[in-house]
Full PDB file with SEQRES, HELIX, SHEET, SSBOND, CRYST1, ORIGX, SCALE, CONECT and MASTER records, all heavy atoms in Angstrom:
SEQRES   1 A   42  THR GLU LYS ALA GLU LYS LEU LYS GLU GLU ASN LEU ILE          
SEQRES   2 A   42  GLY VAL SER ILE ASP GLU THR SER LYS ARG TYR TYR PRO          
SEQRES   3 A   42  PHE ASP ASP PHE LEU SER GLN VAL ILE GLY ASN THR ASN          
SEQRES   4 A   42  ARG ASP GLY                                                  
HELIX    1 AA1 GLU A    2  GLU A    9  1                                   8    
HELIX    2 AA2 SER A   32  ILE A   35  1                                   4    
CRYST1    1.000    1.000    1.000  90.00  90.00  90.00 P 1           1          
ORIGX1      1.000000  0.000000  0.000000        0.00000                         
ORIGX2      0.000000  1.000000  0.000000        0.00000                         
ORIGX3      0.000000  0.000000  1.000000        0.00000                         
SCALE1      1.000000  0.000000  0.000000        0.00000                         
SCALE2      0.000000  1.000000  0.000000        0.00000                         
SCALE3      0.000000  0.000000  1.000000        0.00000                         
ATOM      1  N   THR A   1     100.206  92.464 112.195  1.00  0.00           N  
ATOM      2  CA  THR A   1     100.744  93.272 113.354  1.00  0.00           C  
ATOM      3  C   THR A   1     101.926  94.141 112.887  1.00  0.00           C  
ATOM      4  O   THR A   1     102.029  95.312 113.246  1.00  0.00           O  
ATOM      5  CB  THR A   1     101.207  92.336 114.473  1.00  0.00           C  
ATOM      6  OG1 THR A   1     100.054  91.589 114.948  1.00  0.00           O  
ATOM      7  CG2 THR A   1     101.723  93.161 115.675  1.00  0.00           C  
ATOM      8  N   GLU A   2     102.808  93.582 112.104  1.00  0.00           N  
ATOM      9  CA  GLU A   2     104.008  94.285 111.681  1.00  0.00           C  
ATOM     10  C   GLU A   2     103.677  95.581 110.928  1.00  0.00           C  
ATOM     11  O   GLU A   2     104.184  96.616 111.121  1.00  0.00           O  
ATOM     12  CB  GLU A   2     104.917  93.406 110.850  1.00  0.00           C  
ATOM     13  CG  GLU A   2     106.211  94.006 110.378  1.00  0.00           C  
ATOM     14  CD  GLU A   2     107.032  93.081 109.528  1.00  0.00           C  
ATOM     15  OE1 GLU A   2     106.730  91.849 109.476  1.00  0.00           O  
ATOM     16  OE2 GLU A   2     108.016  93.556 108.919  1.00  0.00           O  
ATOM     17  N   LYS A   3     102.725  95.414 110.026  1.00  0.00           N  
ATOM     18  CA  LYS A   3     102.248  96.571 109.186  1.00  0.00           C  
ATOM     19  C   LYS A   3     101.560  97.569 110.029  1.00  0.00           C  
ATOM     20  O   LYS A   3     101.646  98.820 109.856  1.00  0.00           O  
ATOM     21  CB  LYS A   3     101.319  96.101 108.099  1.00  0.00           C  
ATOM     22  CG  LYS A   3     102.047  95.298 107.028  1.00  0.00           C  
ATOM     23  CD  LYS A   3     101.098  94.806 105.955  1.00  0.00           C  
ATOM     24  CE  LYS A   3     101.792  93.930 104.834  1.00  0.00           C  
ATOM     25  NZ  LYS A   3     100.889  93.446 103.832  1.00  0.00           N  
ATOM     26  N   ALA A   4     100.687  97.110 111.001  1.00  0.00           N  
ATOM     27  CA  ALA A   4      99.938  98.019 111.890  1.00  0.00           C  
ATOM     28  C   ALA A   4     100.904  98.847 112.739  1.00  0.00           C  
ATOM     29  O   ALA A   4     100.676 100.036 112.915  1.00  0.00           O  
ATOM     30  CB  ALA A   4      98.985  97.176 112.756  1.00  0.00           C  
ATOM     31  N   GLU A   5     101.957  98.200 113.253  1.00  0.00           N  
ATOM     32  CA  GLU A   5     102.917  98.896 114.072  1.00  0.00           C  
ATOM     33  C   GLU A   5     103.671  99.952 113.253  1.00  0.00           C  
ATOM     34  O   GLU A   5     103.945 101.053 113.765  1.00  0.00           O  
ATOM     35  CB  GLU A   5     103.934  97.910 114.691  1.00  0.00           C  
ATOM     36  CG  GLU A   5     103.303  96.937 115.703  1.00  0.00           C  
ATOM     37  CD  GLU A   5     102.729  97.648 116.910  1.00  0.00           C  
ATOM     38  OE1 GLU A   5     103.244  98.758 117.269  1.00  0.00           O  
ATOM     39  OE2 GLU A   5     101.822  97.116 117.545  1.00  0.00           O  
ATOM     40  N   LYS A   6     103.959  99.613 112.036  1.00  0.00           N  
ATOM     41  CA  LYS A   6     104.722 100.583 111.185  1.00  0.00           C  
ATOM     42  C   LYS A   6     103.826 101.747 110.918  1.00  0.00           C  
ATOM     43  O   LYS A   6     104.306 102.894 110.821  1.00  0.00           O  
ATOM     44  CB  LYS A   6     105.072  99.908 109.868  1.00  0.00           C  
ATOM     45  CG  LYS A   6     106.020 100.723 109.041  1.00  0.00           C  
ATOM     46  CD  LYS A   6     106.539  99.893 107.815  1.00  0.00           C  
ATOM     47  CE  LYS A   6     107.524 100.647 107.019  1.00  0.00           C  
ATOM     48  NZ  LYS A   6     108.002  99.876 105.824  1.00  0.00           N  
ATOM     49  N   LEU A   7     102.457 101.512 110.677  1.00  0.00           N  
ATOM     50  CA  LEU A   7     101.593 102.655 110.442  1.00  0.00           C  
ATOM     51  C   LEU A   7     101.422 103.508 111.703  1.00  0.00           C  
ATOM     52  O   LEU A   7     101.320 104.749 111.581  1.00  0.00           O  
ATOM     53  CB  LEU A   7     100.197 102.126 109.961  1.00  0.00           C  
ATOM     54  CG  LEU A   7      99.202 103.123 109.481  1.00  0.00           C  
ATOM     55  CD1 LEU A   7      99.718 103.936 108.332  1.00  0.00           C  
ATOM     56  CD2 LEU A   7      97.861 102.458 109.220  1.00  0.00           C  
ATOM     57  N   LYS A   8     101.437 102.923 112.838  1.00  0.00           N  
ATOM     58  CA  LYS A   8     101.356 103.679 114.101  1.00  0.00           C  
ATOM     59  C   LYS A   8     102.524 104.617 114.255  1.00  0.00           C  
ATOM     60  O   LYS A   8     102.379 105.752 114.773  1.00  0.00           O  
ATOM     61  CB  LYS A   8     101.299 102.724 115.299  1.00  0.00           C  
ATOM     62  CG  LYS A   8      99.988 102.003 115.523  1.00  0.00           C  
ATOM     63  CD  LYS A   8     100.058 101.079 116.720  1.00  0.00           C  
ATOM     64  CE  LYS A   8      98.754 100.292 116.894  1.00  0.00           C  
ATOM     65  NZ  LYS A   8      98.803  99.360 118.115  1.00  0.00           N  
ATOM     66  N   GLU A   9     103.667 104.163 113.807  1.00  0.00           N  
ATOM     67  CA  GLU A   9     104.904 104.999 113.889  1.00  0.00           C  
ATOM     68  C   GLU A   9     104.731 106.317 113.114  1.00  0.00           C  
ATOM     69  O   GLU A   9     105.436 107.301 113.406  1.00  0.00           O  
ATOM     70  CB  GLU A   9     106.125 104.231 113.433  1.00  0.00           C  
ATOM     71  CG  GLU A   9     106.463 103.052 114.327  1.00  0.00           C  
ATOM     72  CD  GLU A   9     107.585 102.234 113.755  1.00  0.00           C  
ATOM     73  OE1 GLU A   9     108.129 102.591 112.680  1.00  0.00           O  
ATOM     74  OE2 GLU A   9     107.938 101.158 114.386  1.00  0.00           O  
ATOM     75  N   GLU A  10     103.925 106.336 112.087  1.00  0.00           N  
ATOM     76  CA  GLU A  10     103.716 107.529 111.252  1.00  0.00           C  
ATOM     77  C   GLU A  10     102.881 108.574 111.979  1.00  0.00           C  
ATOM     78  O   GLU A  10     102.907 109.780 111.661  1.00  0.00           O  
ATOM     79  CB  GLU A  10     103.024 107.132 109.966  1.00  0.00           C  
ATOM     80  CG  GLU A  10     103.805 106.241 109.042  1.00  0.00           C  
ATOM     81  CD  GLU A  10     105.008 106.943 108.477  1.00  0.00           C  
ATOM     82  OE1 GLU A  10     105.025 108.205 108.317  1.00  0.00           O  
ATOM     83  OE2 GLU A  10     106.046 106.276 108.201  1.00  0.00           O  
ATOM     84  N   ASN A  11     102.229 108.153 113.055  1.00  0.00           N  
ATOM     85  CA  ASN A  11     101.427 109.073 113.906  1.00  0.00           C  
ATOM     86  C   ASN A  11     100.495 110.017 113.105  1.00  0.00           C  
ATOM     87  O   ASN A  11     100.544 111.201 113.201  1.00  0.00           O  
ATOM     88  CB  ASN A  11     102.394 109.888 114.772  1.00  0.00           C  
ATOM     89  CG  ASN A  11     101.649 110.615 115.961  1.00  0.00           C  
ATOM     90  OD1 ASN A  11     100.637 110.106 116.406  1.00  0.00           O  
ATOM     91  ND2 ASN A  11     102.166 111.718 116.403  1.00  0.00           N  
ATOM     92  N   LEU A  12      99.706 109.433 112.213  1.00  0.00           N  
ATOM     93  CA  LEU A  12      98.819 110.120 111.362  1.00  0.00           C  
ATOM     94  C   LEU A  12      97.556 110.467 112.105  1.00  0.00           C  
ATOM     95  O   LEU A  12      96.717 109.580 112.475  1.00  0.00           O  
ATOM     96  CB  LEU A  12      98.469 109.277 110.061  1.00  0.00           C  
ATOM     97  CG  LEU A  12      99.713 108.884 109.236  1.00  0.00           C  
ATOM     98  CD1 LEU A  12      99.272 107.963 108.128  1.00  0.00           C  
ATOM     99  CD2 LEU A  12     100.402 110.100 108.651  1.00  0.00           C  
ATOM    100  N   ILE A  13      97.298 111.768 112.239  1.00  0.00           N  
ATOM    101  CA  ILE A  13      96.083 112.223 112.936  1.00  0.00           C  
ATOM    102  C   ILE A  13      94.834 111.830 112.077  1.00  0.00           C  
ATOM    103  O   ILE A  13      94.842 112.016 110.874  1.00  0.00           O  
ATOM    104  CB  ILE A  13      96.107 113.755 113.105  1.00  0.00           C  
ATOM    105  CG1 ILE A  13      97.318 114.188 113.934  1.00  0.00           C  
ATOM    106  CG2 ILE A  13      94.775 114.172 113.792  1.00  0.00           C  
ATOM    107  CD1 ILE A  13      97.358 113.624 115.317  1.00  0.00           C  
ATOM    108  N   GLY A  14      93.847 111.273 112.765  1.00  0.00           N  
ATOM    109  CA  GLY A  14      92.608 110.855 112.078  1.00  0.00           C  
ATOM    110  C   GLY A  14      92.661 109.436 111.526  1.00  0.00           C  
ATOM    111  O   GLY A  14      91.657 109.037 110.897  1.00  0.00           O  
ATOM    112  N   VAL A  15      93.715 108.727 111.780  1.00  0.00           N  
ATOM    113  CA  VAL A  15      93.772 107.322 111.359  1.00  0.00           C  
ATOM    114  C   VAL A  15      93.727 106.504 112.636  1.00  0.00           C  
ATOM    115  O   VAL A  15      94.520 106.622 113.557  1.00  0.00           O  
ATOM    116  CB  VAL A  15      95.099 107.028 110.604  1.00  0.00           C  
ATOM    117  CG1 VAL A  15      95.194 105.545 110.312  1.00  0.00           C  
ATOM    118  CG2 VAL A  15      95.136 107.822 109.339  1.00  0.00           C  
ATOM    119  N   SER A  16      92.774 105.634 112.678  1.00  0.00           N  
ATOM    120  CA  SER A  16      92.528 104.725 113.861  1.00  0.00           C  
ATOM    121  C   SER A  16      92.990 103.327 113.507  1.00  0.00           C  
ATOM    122  O   SER A  16      92.660 102.775 112.495  1.00  0.00           O  
ATOM    123  CB  SER A  16      91.033 104.701 114.200  1.00  0.00           C  
ATOM    124  OG  SER A  16      90.834 103.838 115.289  1.00  0.00           O  
ATOM    125  N   ILE A  17      93.810 102.773 114.448  1.00  0.00           N  
ATOM    126  CA  ILE A  17      94.303 101.405 114.245  1.00  0.00           C  
ATOM    127  C   ILE A  17      93.892 100.590 115.535  1.00  0.00           C  
ATOM    128  O   ILE A  17      94.386 100.750 116.591  1.00  0.00           O  
ATOM    129  CB  ILE A  17      95.839 101.397 114.138  1.00  0.00           C  
ATOM    130  CG1 ILE A  17      96.288 102.341 113.013  1.00  0.00           C  
ATOM    131  CG2 ILE A  17      96.375  99.993 113.926  1.00  0.00           C  
ATOM    132  CD1 ILE A  17      97.769 102.646 113.031  1.00  0.00           C  
ATOM    133  N   ASP A  18      92.841  99.757 115.303  1.00  0.00           N  
ATOM    134  CA  ASP A  18      92.283  98.972 116.390  1.00  0.00           C  
ATOM    135  C   ASP A  18      92.520  97.527 116.268  1.00  0.00           C  
ATOM    136  O   ASP A  18      92.410  96.973 115.233  1.00  0.00           O  
ATOM    137  CB  ASP A  18      90.708  99.266 116.462  1.00  0.00           C  
ATOM    138  CG  ASP A  18      90.383 100.749 116.653  1.00  0.00           C  
ATOM    139  OD1 ASP A  18      90.861 101.330 117.664  1.00  0.00           O  
ATOM    140  OD2 ASP A  18      89.668 101.263 115.800  1.00  0.00           O  
ATOM    141  N   GLU A  19      92.807  96.915 117.434  1.00  0.00           N  
ATOM    142  CA  GLU A  19      93.074  95.502 117.446  1.00  0.00           C  
ATOM    143  C   GLU A  19      91.786  94.718 117.198  1.00  0.00           C  
ATOM    144  O   GLU A  19      90.667  95.053 117.712  1.00  0.00           O  
ATOM    145  CB  GLU A  19      93.703  95.055 118.783  1.00  0.00           C  
ATOM    146  CG  GLU A  19      94.153  93.661 118.818  1.00  0.00           C  
ATOM    147  CD  GLU A  19      94.921  93.285 120.102  1.00  0.00           C  
ATOM    148  OE1 GLU A  19      95.140  94.148 120.941  1.00  0.00           O  
ATOM    149  OE2 GLU A  19      95.260  92.052 120.199  1.00  0.00           O  
ATOM    150  N   THR A  20      91.850  93.688 116.411  1.00  0.00           N  
ATOM    151  CA  THR A  20      90.703  92.768 116.129  1.00  0.00           C  
ATOM    152  C   THR A  20      91.192  91.344 116.119  1.00  0.00           C  
ATOM    153  O   THR A  20      92.389  91.095 116.334  1.00  0.00           O  
ATOM    154  CB  THR A  20      89.973  93.188 114.830  1.00  0.00           C  
ATOM    155  OG1 THR A  20      88.788  92.452 114.697  1.00  0.00           O  
ATOM    156  CG2 THR A  20      90.888  92.950 113.633  1.00  0.00           C  
ATOM    157  N   SER A  21      90.372  90.442 115.805  1.00  0.00           N  
ATOM    158  CA  SER A  21      90.796  89.022 115.616  1.00  0.00           C  
ATOM    159  C   SER A  21      90.183  88.335 114.456  1.00  0.00           C  
ATOM    160  O   SER A  21      89.095  88.788 113.996  1.00  0.00           O  
ATOM    161  CB  SER A  21      90.483  88.228 116.957  1.00  0.00           C  
ATOM    162  OG  SER A  21      89.050  88.165 117.110  1.00  0.00           O  
ATOM    163  N   LYS A  22      90.837  87.354 113.921  1.00  0.00           N  
ATOM    164  CA  LYS A  22      90.352  86.651 112.855  1.00  0.00           C  
ATOM    165  C   LYS A  22      90.412  85.116 113.143  1.00  0.00           C  
ATOM    166  O   LYS A  22      91.366  84.664 113.784  1.00  0.00           O  
ATOM    167  CB  LYS A  22      91.213  86.907 111.586  1.00  0.00           C  
ATOM    168  CG  LYS A  22      90.734  86.177 110.350  1.00  0.00           C  
ATOM    169  CD  LYS A  22      91.640  86.430 109.120  1.00  0.00           C  
ATOM    170  CE  LYS A  22      91.140  85.776 107.870  1.00  0.00           C  
ATOM    171  NZ  LYS A  22      92.010  86.001 106.721  1.00  0.00           N  
ATOM    172  N   ARG A  23      89.369  84.413 112.782  1.00  0.00           N  
ATOM    173  CA  ARG A  23      89.325  83.003 113.004  1.00  0.00           C  
ATOM    174  C   ARG A  23      90.320  82.332 112.062  1.00  0.00           C  
ATOM    175  O   ARG A  23      90.426  82.611 110.903  1.00  0.00           O  
ATOM    176  CB  ARG A  23      87.960  82.444 112.753  1.00  0.00           C  
ATOM    177  CG  ARG A  23      87.617  81.161 113.508  1.00  0.00           C  
ATOM    178  CD  ARG A  23      87.713  81.336 115.017  1.00  0.00           C  
ATOM    179  NE  ARG A  23      87.197  80.211 115.766  1.00  0.00           N  
ATOM    180  CZ  ARG A  23      87.380  80.002 117.017  1.00  0.00           C  
ATOM    181  NH1 ARG A  23      88.156  80.798 117.671  1.00  0.00           N  
ATOM    182  NH2 ARG A  23      86.875  78.980 117.622  1.00  0.00           N  
ATOM    183  N   TYR A  24      91.098  81.369 112.671  1.00  0.00           N  
ATOM    184  CA  TYR A  24      92.165  80.720 111.914  1.00  0.00           C  
ATOM    185  C   TYR A  24      92.025  79.191 112.104  1.00  0.00           C  
ATOM    186  O   TYR A  24      91.824  78.697 113.224  1.00  0.00           O  
ATOM    187  CB  TYR A  24      93.494  81.223 112.365  1.00  0.00           C  
ATOM    188  CG  TYR A  24      94.660  80.433 111.721  1.00  0.00           C  
ATOM    189  CD1 TYR A  24      94.875  80.506 110.296  1.00  0.00           C  
ATOM    190  CD2 TYR A  24      95.525  79.662 112.465  1.00  0.00           C  
ATOM    191  CE1 TYR A  24      95.900  79.840 109.687  1.00  0.00           C  
ATOM    192  CE2 TYR A  24      96.567  78.977 111.917  1.00  0.00           C  
ATOM    193  CZ  TYR A  24      96.767  79.044 110.478  1.00  0.00           C  
ATOM    194  OH  TYR A  24      97.775  78.404 109.889  1.00  0.00           O  
ATOM    195  N   TYR A  25      92.131  78.430 111.020  1.00  0.00           N  
ATOM    196  CA  TYR A  25      92.015  76.993 111.062  1.00  0.00           C  
ATOM    197  C   TYR A  25      93.400  76.368 110.665  1.00  0.00           C  
ATOM    198  O   TYR A  25      93.754  76.385 109.465  1.00  0.00           O  
ATOM    199  CB  TYR A  25      90.879  76.508 110.148  1.00  0.00           C  
ATOM    200  CG  TYR A  25      89.594  77.151 110.541  1.00  0.00           C  
ATOM    201  CD1 TYR A  25      89.214  78.418 109.935  1.00  0.00           C  
ATOM    202  CD2 TYR A  25      88.815  76.597 111.481  1.00  0.00           C  
ATOM    203  CE1 TYR A  25      88.011  79.040 110.364  1.00  0.00           C  
ATOM    204  CE2 TYR A  25      87.572  77.233 111.878  1.00  0.00           C  
ATOM    205  CZ  TYR A  25      87.206  78.439 111.277  1.00  0.00           C  
ATOM    206  OH  TYR A  25      86.043  79.087 111.652  1.00  0.00           O  
ATOM    207  N   PRO A  26      94.184  75.871 111.641  1.00  0.00           N  
ATOM    208  CA  PRO A  26      95.560  75.470 111.360  1.00  0.00           C  
ATOM    209  C   PRO A  26      95.680  74.358 110.271  1.00  0.00           C  
ATOM    210  O   PRO A  26      96.672  74.301 109.633  1.00  0.00           O  
ATOM    211  CB  PRO A  26      95.961  74.898 112.704  1.00  0.00           C  
ATOM    212  CG  PRO A  26      95.119  75.556 113.682  1.00  0.00           C  
ATOM    213  CD  PRO A  26      93.786  75.688 113.060  1.00  0.00           C  
ATOM    214  N   PHE A  27      94.631  73.543 110.039  1.00  0.00           N  
ATOM    215  CA  PHE A  27      94.755  72.408 109.121  1.00  0.00           C  
ATOM    216  C   PHE A  27      93.939  72.749 107.835  1.00  0.00           C  
ATOM    217  O   PHE A  27      93.627  71.785 107.054  1.00  0.00           O  
ATOM    218  CB  PHE A  27      94.322  71.108 109.736  1.00  0.00           C  
ATOM    219  CG  PHE A  27      95.155  70.677 110.892  1.00  0.00           C  
ATOM    220  CD1 PHE A  27      94.778  70.932 112.201  1.00  0.00           C  
ATOM    221  CD2 PHE A  27      96.368  70.030 110.662  1.00  0.00           C  
ATOM    222  CE1 PHE A  27      95.505  70.499 113.242  1.00  0.00           C  
ATOM    223  CE2 PHE A  27      97.129  69.645 111.735  1.00  0.00           C  
ATOM    224  CZ  PHE A  27      96.736  69.855 112.990  1.00  0.00           C  
ATOM    225  N   ASP A  28      93.620  73.979 107.613  1.00  0.00           N  
ATOM    226  CA  ASP A  28      92.903  74.371 106.363  1.00  0.00           C  
ATOM    227  C   ASP A  28      91.604  73.597 106.162  1.00  0.00           C  
ATOM    228  O   ASP A  28      90.713  73.699 106.968  1.00  0.00           O  
ATOM    229  CB  ASP A  28      93.855  74.231 105.120  1.00  0.00           C  
ATOM    230  CG  ASP A  28      94.957  75.231 105.178  1.00  0.00           C  
ATOM    231  OD1 ASP A  28      94.774  76.381 105.733  1.00  0.00           O  
ATOM    232  OD2 ASP A  28      96.073  74.989 104.712  1.00  0.00           O  
ATOM    233  N   ASP A  29      91.560  72.734 105.100  1.00  0.00           N  
ATOM    234  CA  ASP A  29      90.227  72.050 104.834  1.00  0.00           C  
ATOM    235  C   ASP A  29      89.974  70.840 105.711  1.00  0.00           C  
ATOM    236  O   ASP A  29      88.985  70.125 105.448  1.00  0.00           O  
ATOM    237  CB  ASP A  29      90.169  71.726 103.330  1.00  0.00           C  
ATOM    238  CG  ASP A  29      91.233  70.765 102.911  1.00  0.00           C  
ATOM    239  OD1 ASP A  29      92.186  70.488 103.699  1.00  0.00           O  
ATOM    240  OD2 ASP A  29      91.055  70.231 101.727  1.00  0.00           O  
ATOM    241  N   PHE A  30      90.809  70.557 106.651  1.00  0.00           N  
ATOM    242  CA  PHE A  30      90.660  69.353 107.552  1.00  0.00           C  
ATOM    243  C   PHE A  30      89.410  69.532 108.396  1.00  0.00           C  
ATOM    244  O   PHE A  30      89.259  70.529 109.106  1.00  0.00           O  
ATOM    245  CB  PHE A  30      91.968  69.297 108.408  1.00  0.00           C  
ATOM    246  CG  PHE A  30      91.954  68.150 109.377  1.00  0.00           C  
ATOM    247  CD1 PHE A  30      92.370  66.880 108.901  1.00  0.00           C  
ATOM    248  CD2 PHE A  30      91.666  68.310 110.657  1.00  0.00           C  
ATOM    249  CE1 PHE A  30      92.403  65.793 109.824  1.00  0.00           C  
ATOM    250  CE2 PHE A  30      91.715  67.282 111.608  1.00  0.00           C  
ATOM    251  CZ  PHE A  30      92.073  66.000 111.095  1.00  0.00           C  
ATOM    252  N   LEU A  31      88.468  68.600 108.347  1.00  0.00           N  
ATOM    253  CA  LEU A  31      87.271  68.600 109.160  1.00  0.00           C  
ATOM    254  C   LEU A  31      86.411  69.806 108.954  1.00  0.00           C  
ATOM    255  O   LEU A  31      85.676  70.278 109.824  1.00  0.00           O  
ATOM    256  CB  LEU A  31      87.720  68.421 110.633  1.00  0.00           C  
ATOM    257  CG  LEU A  31      86.659  68.029 111.701  1.00  0.00           C  
ATOM    258  CD1 LEU A  31      86.189  66.589 111.453  1.00  0.00           C  
ATOM    259  CD2 LEU A  31      87.093  68.179 113.074  1.00  0.00           C  
ATOM    260  N   SER A  32      86.528  70.435 107.805  1.00  0.00           N  
ATOM    261  CA  SER A  32      85.962  71.765 107.543  1.00  0.00           C  
ATOM    262  C   SER A  32      84.491  71.800 107.763  1.00  0.00           C  
ATOM    263  O   SER A  32      83.927  72.698 108.302  1.00  0.00           O  
ATOM    264  CB  SER A  32      86.411  72.314 106.204  1.00  0.00           C  
ATOM    265  OG  SER A  32      86.047  71.424 105.173  1.00  0.00           O  
ATOM    266  N   GLN A  33      83.739  70.816 107.144  1.00  0.00           N  
ATOM    267  CA  GLN A  33      82.287  70.859 107.274  1.00  0.00           C  
ATOM    268  C   GLN A  33      81.767  70.633 108.678  1.00  0.00           C  
ATOM    269  O   GLN A  33      80.703  71.059 109.043  1.00  0.00           O  
ATOM    270  CB  GLN A  33      81.635  69.833 106.344  1.00  0.00           C  
ATOM    271  CG  GLN A  33      81.763  70.152 104.834  1.00  0.00           C  
ATOM    272  CD  GLN A  33      82.782  69.253 104.177  1.00  0.00           C  
ATOM    273  OE1 GLN A  33      83.678  68.802 104.863  1.00  0.00           O  
ATOM    274  NE2 GLN A  33      82.650  69.095 102.919  1.00  0.00           N  
ATOM    275  N   VAL A  34      82.544  69.948 109.526  1.00  0.00           N  
ATOM    276  CA  VAL A  34      82.181  69.700 110.949  1.00  0.00           C  
ATOM    277  C   VAL A  34      82.456  70.947 111.768  1.00  0.00           C  
ATOM    278  O   VAL A  34      81.628  71.428 112.463  1.00  0.00           O  
ATOM    279  CB  VAL A  34      82.980  68.492 111.500  1.00  0.00           C  
ATOM    280  CG1 VAL A  34      82.651  68.350 112.980  1.00  0.00           C  
ATOM    281  CG2 VAL A  34      82.596  67.286 110.738  1.00  0.00           C  
ATOM    282  N   ILE A  35      83.681  71.453 111.636  1.00  0.00           N  
ATOM    283  CA  ILE A  35      84.080  72.706 112.417  1.00  0.00           C  
ATOM    284  C   ILE A  35      83.233  73.855 111.970  1.00  0.00           C  
ATOM    285  O   ILE A  35      82.773  74.696 112.815  1.00  0.00           O  
ATOM    286  CB  ILE A  35      85.485  73.002 112.308  1.00  0.00           C  
ATOM    287  CG1 ILE A  35      86.380  71.875 112.899  1.00  0.00           C  
ATOM    288  CG2 ILE A  35      85.868  74.291 113.075  1.00  0.00           C  
ATOM    289  CD1 ILE A  35      87.881  72.075 112.741  1.00  0.00           C  
ATOM    290  N   GLY A  36      83.032  74.034 110.621  1.00  0.00           N  
ATOM    291  CA  GLY A  36      82.231  75.143 110.132  1.00  0.00           C  
ATOM    292  C   GLY A  36      83.142  76.366 109.955  1.00  0.00           C  
ATOM    293  O   GLY A  36      84.362  76.273 109.878  1.00  0.00           O  
ATOM    294  N   ASN A  37      82.527  77.579 110.048  1.00  0.00           N  
ATOM    295  CA  ASN A  37      83.303  78.820 109.911  1.00  0.00           C  
ATOM    296  C   ASN A  37      82.536  79.968 110.571  1.00  0.00           C  
ATOM    297  O   ASN A  37      81.400  79.820 111.015  1.00  0.00           O  
ATOM    298  CB  ASN A  37      83.525  79.110 108.434  1.00  0.00           C  
ATOM    299  CG  ASN A  37      82.257  79.176 107.630  1.00  0.00           C  
ATOM    300  OD1 ASN A  37      81.366  79.958 107.818  1.00  0.00           O  
ATOM    301  ND2 ASN A  37      82.200  78.265 106.595  1.00  0.00           N  
ATOM    302  N   THR A  38      83.193  81.089 110.612  1.00  0.00           N  
ATOM    303  CA  THR A  38      82.570  82.288 111.190  1.00  0.00           C  
ATOM    304  C   THR A  38      82.506  83.417 110.109  1.00  0.00           C  
ATOM    305  O   THR A  38      83.291  83.360 109.137  1.00  0.00           O  
ATOM    306  CB  THR A  38      83.334  82.848 112.401  1.00  0.00           C  
ATOM    307  OG1 THR A  38      84.656  83.260 111.961  1.00  0.00           O  
ATOM    308  CG2 THR A  38      83.490  81.742 113.474  1.00  0.00           C  
ATOM    309  N   ASN A  39      81.671  84.403 110.359  1.00  0.00           N  
ATOM    310  CA  ASN A  39      81.691  85.537 109.417  1.00  0.00           C  
ATOM    311  C   ASN A  39      82.749  86.518 109.830  1.00  0.00           C  
ATOM    312  O   ASN A  39      83.535  86.289 110.813  1.00  0.00           O  
ATOM    313  CB  ASN A  39      80.337  86.162 109.337  1.00  0.00           C  
ATOM    314  CG  ASN A  39      79.833  86.823 110.668  1.00  0.00           C  
ATOM    315  OD1 ASN A  39      80.627  86.975 111.589  1.00  0.00           O  
ATOM    316  ND2 ASN A  39      78.590  87.075 110.784  1.00  0.00           N  
ATOM    317  N   ARG A  40      82.849  87.689 109.194  1.00  0.00           N  
ATOM    318  CA  ARG A  40      83.900  88.642 109.443  1.00  0.00           C  
ATOM    319  C   ARG A  40      83.807  89.325 110.841  1.00  0.00           C  
ATOM    320  O   ARG A  40      84.737  89.844 111.360  1.00  0.00           O  
ATOM    321  CB  ARG A  40      83.958  89.725 108.333  1.00  0.00           C  
ATOM    322  CG  ARG A  40      82.775  90.738 108.428  1.00  0.00           C  
ATOM    323  CD  ARG A  40      82.668  91.525 107.122  1.00  0.00           C  
ATOM    324  NE  ARG A  40      83.855  92.225 106.771  1.00  0.00           N  
ATOM    325  CZ  ARG A  40      84.011  93.498 107.122  1.00  0.00           C  
ATOM    326  NH1 ARG A  40      83.044  94.151 107.794  1.00  0.00           N  
ATOM    327  NH2 ARG A  40      85.127  94.102 106.792  1.00  0.00           N  
ATOM    328  N   ASP A  41      82.630  89.131 111.494  1.00  0.00           N  
ATOM    329  CA  ASP A  41      82.454  89.658 112.814  1.00  0.00           C  
ATOM    330  C   ASP A  41      82.657  88.621 113.880  1.00  0.00           C  
ATOM    331  O   ASP A  41      82.399  88.813 115.068  1.00  0.00           O  
ATOM    332  CB  ASP A  41      81.022  90.281 112.991  1.00  0.00           C  
ATOM    333  CG  ASP A  41      80.828  91.485 112.082  1.00  0.00           C  
ATOM    334  OD1 ASP A  41      81.718  92.276 112.021  1.00  0.00           O  
ATOM    335  OD2 ASP A  41      79.754  91.545 111.415  1.00  0.00           O  
ATOM    336  N   GLY A  42      83.121  87.463 113.433  1.00  0.00           N  
ATOM    337  CA  GLY A  42      83.414  86.357 114.408  1.00  0.00           C  
ATOM    338  C   GLY A  42      82.225  85.578 114.970  1.00  0.00           C  
ATOM    339  O   GLY A  42      82.283  84.977 116.007  1.00  0.00           O  
TER     340      GLY A  42                                                      
MASTER        0    0    0    2    0    0    0    6  339    1    0    4          
END                                                                             
């Protein structure tokens, strides 16, 4: 977010900055095979 906001301040025409989300697992490899994972599209 911090980097995206800084890039927005430059107001560069033709540069699109869109909000997205990423899956996050707070305990890293904890219960990993059970919880599984998602691809880059969620």
